[in-house]
Amino acid sequence: MNTAAAASTLSALAHQARLDIFRTLLHHGELPAGKLAIELGIPSSTLSFHLKDLRIAGLIVSRRQGRHLLYRADQERLAGLMAFLTAF
């Protein structure tokens, strides 16, 4: 990971709702958007906006299961960020 990618990743996490979404996905592993919205008390349209930003930053990935999109945190991206932040 380079400085620009790390800055983009950190920027995506620099919002309370996105940080809550990311931490919830880390905790639960994988959730459909509807359950994530209920868990966090975030309206669906607002959640979609934040999920898009997290996906663009590479922090989450999604997969389709029937009619639903399931989201999970990208552990490799998080590991890359942590490695970048702790490297000297």
Protein backbone atom coordinates (compact mmCIF):
# COMPACT_ATOMS: atom_id res chain seq x y z
CA MET A 1 0.00 0.00 0.00
CA ASN A 2 1.29 3.47 -0.84
CA THR A 3 0.63 6.78 0.90
CA ALA A 4 -2.20 7.79 -1.44
CA ALA A 5 -4.02 4.49 -0.98
CA ALA A 6 -3.59 4.67 2.80
CA ALA A 7 -4.91 8.23 2.87
CA SER A 8 -7.95 7.22 0.80
CA THR A 9 -8.62 4.27 3.08
CA LEU A 10 -8.30 6.34 6.24
CA SER A 11 -10.48 9.05 4.74
CA ALA A 12 -13.27 6.53 4.17
CA LEU A 13 -13.09 5.53 7.83
CA ALA A 14 -13.06 9.15 9.02
CA HIS A 15 -16.84 9.27 9.30
CA GLN A 16 -18.69 7.88 12.31
CA ALA A 17 -21.29 5.94 10.30
CA ARG A 18 -18.70 4.38 7.98
CA LEU A 19 -16.49 3.45 10.92
CA ASP A 20 -19.50 1.86 12.65
CA ILE A 21 -20.40 -0.05 9.49
CA PHE A 22 -16.86 -1.32 9.05
CA ARG A 23 -16.51 -2.38 12.68
CA THR A 24 -19.89 -4.13 12.59
CA LEU A 25 -18.87 -6.06 9.48
CA LEU A 26 -15.58 -7.03 11.13
CA HIS A 27 -17.52 -8.32 14.12
CA HIS A 28 -20.27 -10.19 12.25
CA GLY A 29 -18.29 -11.34 9.24
CA GLU A 30 -20.95 -10.91 6.58
CA LEU A 31 -24.34 -9.21 6.65
CA PRO A 32 -27.03 -8.25 4.15
CA ALA A 33 -27.62 -4.52 3.83
CA GLY A 34 -31.06 -4.72 5.45
CA LYS A 35 -29.74 -6.34 8.63
CA LEU A 36 -26.85 -3.91 8.72
CA ALA A 37 -29.28 -0.98 8.49
CA ILE A 38 -31.36 -2.38 11.35
CA GLU A 39 -28.33 -3.20 13.50
CA LEU A 40 -26.97 0.34 13.18
CA GLY A 41 -30.25 2.23 12.92
CA ILE A 42 -29.23 3.82 9.62
CA PRO A 43 -31.82 4.52 6.89
CA SER A 44 -31.30 2.35 3.79
CA SER A 45 -30.54 5.26 1.47
CA THR A 46 -27.91 6.63 3.86
CA LEU A 47 -26.44 3.16 4.32
CA SER A 48 -26.13 2.71 0.55
CA PHE A 49 -24.21 5.97 0.30
CA HIS A 50 -21.74 4.88 3.00
CA LEU A 51 -21.39 1.36 1.64
CA LYS A 52 -20.47 2.82 -1.75
CA ASP A 53 -17.70 4.93 -0.19
CA LEU A 54 -16.34 1.95 1.76
CA ARG A 55 -16.43 -0.21 -1.38
CA ILE A 56 -14.59 2.43 -3.44
CA ALA A 57 -11.92 2.62 -0.71
CA GLY A 58 -11.55 -1.16 -0.91
CA LEU A 59 -12.57 -1.68 2.70
CA ILE A 60 -15.60 -3.87 2.00
CA VAL A 61 -16.62 -6.37 -0.63
CA SER A 62 -20.05 -7.62 -1.58
CA ARG A 63 -21.52 -10.70 -3.15
CA ARG A 64 -25.00 -11.44 -4.39
CA GLN A 65 -27.06 -14.15 -2.74
CA GLY A 66 -30.42 -14.38 -4.44
CA ARG A 67 -32.01 -10.93 -4.21
CA HIS A 68 -29.67 -9.74 -1.47
CA LEU A 69 -26.21 -8.24 -1.42
CA LEU A 70 -24.07 -9.51 1.42
CA TYR A 71 -21.27 -7.26 2.65
CA ARG A 72 -18.10 -8.10 4.52
CA ALA A 73 -14.99 -6.23 5.56
CA ASP A 74 -11.94 -6.84 3.40
CA GLN A 75 -9.45 -8.28 5.89
CA GLU A 76 -6.57 -8.09 3.39
CA ARG A 77 -7.10 -4.37 2.85
CA LEU A 78 -7.17 -3.82 6.62
CA ALA A 79 -3.98 -5.87 7.03
CA GLY A 80 -2.32 -3.82 4.27
CA LEU A 81 -3.33 -0.58 5.98
CA MET A 82 -2.03 -1.80 9.34
CA ALA A 83 1.26 -2.89 7.74
CA PHE A 84 1.63 0.49 6.06
CA LEU A 85 0.90 2.38 9.27
CA THR A 86 3.39 0.39 11.32
CA ALA A 87 6.21 0.17 8.74
CA PHE A 88 9.29 2.31 9.19
